[in-house]
N, C-alpha and C. Protein backbone atom coordinates (compact mmCIF):
# COMPACT_ATOMS: atom_id res chain seq x y z
N MET A 1 91.70 -34.46 -58.29
CA MET A 1 93.04 -35.01 -58.32
C MET A 1 94.02 -33.90 -58.69
N ASN A 2 95.15 -33.91 -58.06
CA ASN A 2 96.16 -32.91 -58.41
C ASN A 2 97.14 -33.48 -59.44
N VAL A 3 98.09 -32.69 -59.83
CA VAL A 3 99.01 -33.06 -60.90
C VAL A 3 99.86 -34.27 -60.51
N LEU A 4 100.27 -34.35 -59.27
CA LEU A 4 101.08 -35.48 -58.82
C LEU A 4 100.31 -36.78 -58.91
N GLN A 5 99.06 -36.78 -58.51
CA GLN A 5 98.25 -37.99 -58.58
C GLN A 5 98.00 -38.41 -60.02
N ILE A 6 97.79 -37.46 -60.89
CA ILE A 6 97.57 -37.79 -62.31
C ILE A 6 98.84 -38.32 -62.94
N SER A 7 99.99 -37.76 -62.57
CA SER A 7 101.25 -38.26 -63.14
C SER A 7 101.56 -39.67 -62.65
N ILE A 8 101.22 -39.98 -61.41
CA ILE A 8 101.40 -41.34 -60.91
C ILE A 8 100.42 -42.28 -61.60
N ALA A 9 99.21 -41.83 -61.85
CA ALA A 9 98.22 -42.66 -62.55
C ALA A 9 98.64 -42.92 -63.98
N ALA A 10 99.37 -42.00 -64.60
CA ALA A 10 99.80 -42.16 -65.98
C ALA A 10 101.09 -42.95 -66.11
N MET A 11 101.68 -43.36 -65.01
CA MET A 11 102.96 -44.07 -65.05
C MET A 11 102.92 -45.36 -65.88
N PRO A 12 101.87 -46.20 -65.80
CA PRO A 12 101.85 -47.39 -66.67
C PRO A 12 101.89 -47.03 -68.15
N PHE A 13 101.16 -46.00 -68.53
CA PHE A 13 101.18 -45.58 -69.94
C PHE A 13 102.56 -45.09 -70.36
N LEU A 14 103.19 -44.29 -69.52
CA LEU A 14 104.52 -43.77 -69.86
C LEU A 14 105.55 -44.88 -69.91
N LEU A 15 105.43 -45.87 -69.05
CA LEU A 15 106.35 -47.00 -69.08
C LEU A 15 106.10 -47.88 -70.31
N ALA A 16 104.85 -47.99 -70.73
CA ALA A 16 104.53 -48.78 -71.93
C ALA A 16 105.05 -48.11 -73.19
N LEU A 17 105.22 -46.82 -73.17
CA LEU A 17 105.77 -46.14 -74.35
C LEU A 17 107.20 -46.56 -74.65
N THR A 18 107.90 -47.08 -73.66
CA THR A 18 109.28 -47.51 -73.86
C THR A 18 109.37 -48.90 -74.46
N SER A 19 108.25 -49.62 -74.55
CA SER A 19 108.29 -50.97 -75.09
C SER A 19 108.51 -50.92 -76.60
N ARG A 20 109.07 -51.98 -77.12
CA ARG A 20 109.42 -52.03 -78.54
C ARG A 20 108.18 -52.11 -79.44
N THR A 21 107.19 -52.86 -79.03
CA THR A 21 105.95 -52.97 -79.81
C THR A 21 104.87 -52.13 -79.16
N GLY A 22 103.87 -51.81 -79.92
CA GLY A 22 102.79 -50.98 -79.40
C GLY A 22 101.64 -51.76 -78.81
N LYS A 23 101.82 -53.06 -78.62
CA LYS A 23 100.72 -53.90 -78.14
C LYS A 23 100.35 -53.59 -76.69
N ALA A 24 101.27 -53.10 -75.91
CA ALA A 24 101.00 -52.86 -74.49
C ALA A 24 100.47 -51.45 -74.24
N ILE A 25 100.52 -50.60 -75.23
CA ILE A 25 100.14 -49.20 -75.01
C ILE A 25 98.64 -49.06 -74.74
N ALA A 26 97.81 -49.71 -75.54
CA ALA A 26 96.36 -49.57 -75.39
C ALA A 26 95.86 -50.06 -74.03
N PRO A 27 96.26 -51.26 -73.57
CA PRO A 27 95.80 -51.67 -72.23
C PRO A 27 96.30 -50.74 -71.12
N CYS A 28 97.50 -50.22 -71.28
CA CYS A 28 98.03 -49.33 -70.25
C CYS A 28 97.32 -47.98 -70.26
N VAL A 29 96.90 -47.52 -71.42
CA VAL A 29 96.11 -46.29 -71.47
C VAL A 29 94.78 -46.50 -70.76
N LEU A 30 94.16 -47.65 -70.99
CA LEU A 30 92.88 -47.94 -70.33
C LEU A 30 93.03 -48.05 -68.82
N THR A 31 94.08 -48.72 -68.36
CA THR A 31 94.25 -48.84 -66.91
C THR A 31 94.59 -47.49 -66.29
N SER A 32 95.34 -46.66 -66.99
CA SER A 32 95.62 -45.32 -66.46
C SER A 32 94.34 -44.49 -66.39
N LEU A 33 93.51 -44.61 -67.40
CA LEU A 33 92.24 -43.90 -67.41
C LEU A 33 91.33 -44.38 -66.28
N PHE A 34 91.27 -45.69 -66.08
CA PHE A 34 90.47 -46.23 -64.98
C PHE A 34 91.01 -45.77 -63.63
N THR A 35 92.33 -45.67 -63.51
CA THR A 35 92.92 -45.21 -62.26
C THR A 35 92.49 -43.78 -61.96
N VAL A 36 92.49 -42.92 -62.98
CA VAL A 36 92.06 -41.54 -62.78
C VAL A 36 90.57 -41.48 -62.46
N LEU A 37 89.77 -42.25 -63.19
CA LEU A 37 88.33 -42.22 -62.96
C LEU A 37 87.94 -42.79 -61.60
N LEU A 38 88.69 -43.76 -61.11
CA LEU A 38 88.39 -44.38 -59.83
C LEU A 38 89.17 -43.72 -58.69
N GLY A 39 89.67 -42.54 -58.90
CA GLY A 39 90.46 -41.85 -57.89
C GLY A 39 89.72 -41.61 -56.60
N GLY A 40 88.42 -41.53 -56.64
CA GLY A 40 87.63 -41.34 -55.44
C GLY A 40 87.52 -42.60 -54.59
N GLU A 41 87.76 -43.75 -55.21
CA GLU A 41 87.73 -45.03 -54.51
C GLU A 41 89.13 -45.63 -54.57
N PRO A 42 89.97 -45.33 -53.60
CA PRO A 42 91.39 -45.68 -53.68
C PRO A 42 91.68 -47.17 -53.85
N HIS A 43 90.90 -48.05 -53.25
CA HIS A 43 91.19 -49.48 -53.36
C HIS A 43 91.02 -49.97 -54.79
N ARG A 44 90.01 -49.50 -55.46
CA ARG A 44 89.79 -49.90 -56.86
C ARG A 44 90.82 -49.24 -57.78
N ALA A 45 91.20 -48.02 -57.48
CA ALA A 45 92.20 -47.34 -58.29
C ALA A 45 93.55 -48.03 -58.19
N VAL A 46 93.89 -48.52 -57.01
CA VAL A 46 95.17 -49.22 -56.83
C VAL A 46 95.19 -50.51 -57.62
N VAL A 47 94.08 -51.22 -57.67
CA VAL A 47 94.02 -52.46 -58.44
C VAL A 47 94.23 -52.17 -59.92
N ALA A 48 93.56 -51.16 -60.45
CA ALA A 48 93.73 -50.80 -61.86
C ALA A 48 95.17 -50.37 -62.14
N TRP A 49 95.76 -49.59 -61.24
CA TRP A 49 97.13 -49.12 -61.43
C TRP A 49 98.11 -50.28 -61.40
N CYS A 50 97.92 -51.23 -60.50
CA CYS A 50 98.82 -52.39 -60.40
C CYS A 50 98.74 -53.26 -61.65
N ILE A 51 97.55 -53.43 -62.18
CA ILE A 51 97.41 -54.22 -63.41
C ILE A 51 98.13 -53.52 -64.56
N GLY A 52 97.99 -52.21 -64.67
CA GLY A 52 98.68 -51.46 -65.71
C GLY A 52 100.19 -51.52 -65.56
N MET A 53 100.68 -51.42 -64.33
CA MET A 53 102.12 -51.51 -64.10
C MET A 53 102.64 -52.90 -64.43
N LEU A 54 101.86 -53.93 -64.16
CA LEU A 54 102.26 -55.29 -64.50
C LEU A 54 102.39 -55.46 -66.01
N ILE A 55 101.41 -54.97 -66.75
CA ILE A 55 101.45 -55.06 -68.21
C ILE A 55 102.66 -54.29 -68.75
N ALA A 56 102.88 -53.09 -68.25
CA ALA A 56 103.99 -52.26 -68.72
C ALA A 56 105.34 -52.87 -68.36
N ALA A 57 105.43 -53.46 -67.18
CA ALA A 57 106.70 -54.08 -66.76
C ALA A 57 107.04 -55.28 -67.63
N VAL A 58 106.04 -56.07 -67.98
CA VAL A 58 106.29 -57.22 -68.85
C VAL A 58 106.72 -56.74 -70.23
N ALA A 59 106.09 -55.70 -70.75
CA ALA A 59 106.48 -55.18 -72.06
C ALA A 59 107.91 -54.62 -72.03
N LEU A 60 108.26 -53.93 -70.96
CA LEU A 60 109.61 -53.40 -70.85
C LEU A 60 110.64 -54.52 -70.69
N ARG A 61 110.29 -55.55 -69.94
CA ARG A 61 111.20 -56.69 -69.77
C ARG A 61 111.46 -57.37 -71.09
N GLU A 62 110.42 -57.51 -71.92
CA GLU A 62 110.59 -58.13 -73.23
C GLU A 62 111.49 -57.28 -74.13
N ARG A 63 111.36 -55.96 -74.01
CA ARG A 63 112.22 -55.09 -74.81
C ARG A 63 113.67 -55.24 -74.39
N LEU A 64 113.91 -55.28 -73.10
CA LEU A 64 115.28 -55.41 -72.60
C LEU A 64 115.86 -56.78 -72.90
N ARG A 65 115.01 -57.80 -72.90
CA ARG A 65 115.48 -59.16 -73.17
C ARG A 65 115.88 -59.34 -74.63
N THR A 66 115.13 -58.74 -75.56
CA THR A 66 115.44 -58.89 -76.98
C THR A 66 116.45 -57.88 -77.47
N GLY A 67 116.62 -56.80 -76.75
CA GLY A 67 117.50 -55.73 -77.23
C GLY A 67 118.82 -55.83 -76.60
């Protein structure tokens, strides 16, 4: 994997860092790690990445809603 692919895989984790609570960080780290590990199998990597983005988006939405 090159740097661009790793940065895209880390996007759920980076988005979760903006959430107010740290509850979403651990699942997003795991999904980002699974995305990198499953990079050889693109269909499985996309599923892991989408789940991580969903978790991070909900955490960010909650931050924006309360703030």
